[in-house]
């Protein structure tokens, strides 16, 4: 079994690596779409 505490740091880095570009893309897409 995987020790959750051992994996938590690398998982957090992986999640950030995936989420940061997604947040940037969504932020850009919201800026491109005019609010009505």
N, C-alpha and C. Protein backbone atom coordinates (compact mmCIF):
# COMPACT_ATOMS: atom_id res chain seq x y z
N UNK A 1 0.84 -1.21 0.00
CA UNK A 1 0.00 0.00 0.00
C UNK A 1 0.87 1.25 0.00
N UNK A 2 0.34 2.31 -0.56
CA UNK A 2 1.08 3.57 -0.63
C UNK A 2 0.86 4.35 0.65
N UNK A 3 1.95 4.84 1.22
CA UNK A 3 1.83 5.69 2.40
C UNK A 3 1.36 7.06 1.95
N UNK A 4 0.22 7.49 2.45
CA UNK A 4 -0.37 8.74 1.98
C UNK A 4 0.54 9.91 2.30
N UNK A 5 1.17 9.88 3.46
CA UNK A 5 2.01 11.02 3.85
C UNK A 5 3.24 11.12 2.95
N UNK A 6 3.77 9.97 2.53
CA UNK A 6 4.93 10.02 1.65
C UNK A 6 4.54 10.55 0.27
N UNK A 7 3.34 10.23 -0.15
CA UNK A 7 2.91 10.61 -1.49
C UNK A 7 2.32 12.02 -1.55
N UNK A 8 1.98 12.57 -0.38
CA UNK A 8 1.23 13.82 -0.37
C UNK A 8 2.01 14.96 -1.02
N UNK A 9 3.31 15.05 -0.75
CA UNK A 9 4.09 16.16 -1.30
C UNK A 9 4.16 16.07 -2.83
N UNK A 10 4.50 14.90 -3.34
CA UNK A 10 4.61 14.76 -4.79
C UNK A 10 3.24 14.91 -5.45
N UNK A 11 2.20 14.41 -4.77
CA UNK A 11 0.85 14.56 -5.32
C UNK A 11 0.47 16.04 -5.39
N UNK A 12 0.80 16.78 -4.34
CA UNK A 12 0.47 18.21 -4.32
C UNK A 12 1.19 18.92 -5.47
N UNK A 13 2.45 18.56 -5.70
CA UNK A 13 3.19 19.19 -6.79
C UNK A 13 2.56 18.84 -8.13
N UNK A 14 2.17 17.58 -8.28
CA UNK A 14 1.55 17.15 -9.54
C UNK A 14 0.22 17.86 -9.75
N UNK A 15 -0.56 17.98 -8.67
CA UNK A 15 -1.85 18.65 -8.77
C UNK A 15 -1.65 20.12 -9.15
N UNK A 16 -0.67 20.78 -8.52
CA UNK A 16 -0.41 22.18 -8.85
C UNK A 16 0.03 22.31 -10.30
N UNK A 17 0.89 21.38 -10.75
CA UNK A 17 1.39 21.44 -12.13
C UNK A 17 0.24 21.31 -13.11
N UNK A 18 -0.79 20.53 -12.74
CA UNK A 18 -1.94 20.35 -13.62
C UNK A 18 -2.91 21.52 -13.49
N UNK A 19 -3.14 21.98 -12.27
CA UNK A 19 -4.19 22.97 -12.02
C UNK A 19 -3.78 24.37 -12.45
N UNK A 20 -2.50 24.73 -12.26
CA UNK A 20 -2.09 26.10 -12.57
C UNK A 20 -2.36 26.47 -14.02
N UNK A 21 -1.96 25.64 -14.99
CA UNK A 21 -2.27 25.99 -16.39
C UNK A 21 -3.77 26.05 -16.64
N UNK A 22 -4.52 25.17 -16.00
CA UNK A 22 -5.98 25.16 -16.18
C UNK A 22 -6.57 26.46 -15.66
N UNK A 23 -6.09 26.91 -14.50
CA UNK A 23 -6.59 28.17 -13.94
C UNK A 23 -6.25 29.33 -14.86
N UNK A 24 -5.03 29.32 -15.41
CA UNK A 24 -4.64 30.40 -16.31
C UNK A 24 -5.51 30.39 -17.56
N UNK A 25 -5.76 29.21 -18.10
CA UNK A 25 -6.56 29.11 -19.33
C UNK A 25 -7.98 29.58 -19.06
N UNK A 26 -8.56 29.15 -17.94
CA UNK A 26 -9.93 29.56 -17.63
C UNK A 26 -9.99 31.06 -17.40
N UNK A 27 -8.97 31.62 -16.75
CA UNK A 27 -8.96 33.05 -16.50
C UNK A 27 -8.89 33.80 -17.83
N UNK A 28 -8.07 33.32 -18.76
CA UNK A 28 -7.94 33.98 -20.06
C UNK A 28 -9.26 33.85 -20.82
N UNK A 29 -9.87 32.67 -20.77
CA UNK A 29 -11.12 32.46 -21.51
C UNK A 29 -12.22 33.36 -20.97
N UNK A 30 -12.24 33.55 -19.64
CA UNK A 30 -13.24 34.45 -19.06
C UNK A 30 -12.99 35.89 -19.50
N UNK A 31 -11.71 36.26 -19.62
CA UNK A 31 -11.41 37.63 -20.06
C UNK A 31 -11.82 37.83 -21.51
N UNK A 32 -11.67 36.78 -22.32
CA UNK A 32 -12.01 36.89 -23.73
C UNK A 32 -13.52 36.99 -23.94
N UNK A 33 -14.27 36.36 -23.05
CA UNK A 33 -15.73 36.37 -23.20
C UNK A 33 -16.30 37.62 -22.54
N UNK A 34 -16.99 38.47 -23.29
CA UNK A 34 -17.57 39.68 -22.70
C UNK A 34 -18.72 39.34 -21.76
N UNK A 35 -18.73 39.98 -20.60
CA UNK A 35 -19.81 39.74 -19.65
C UNK A 35 -21.05 40.51 -20.10
N UNK A 36 -22.19 39.85 -20.03
CA UNK A 36 -23.43 40.49 -20.46
C UNK A 36 -24.28 40.88 -19.27
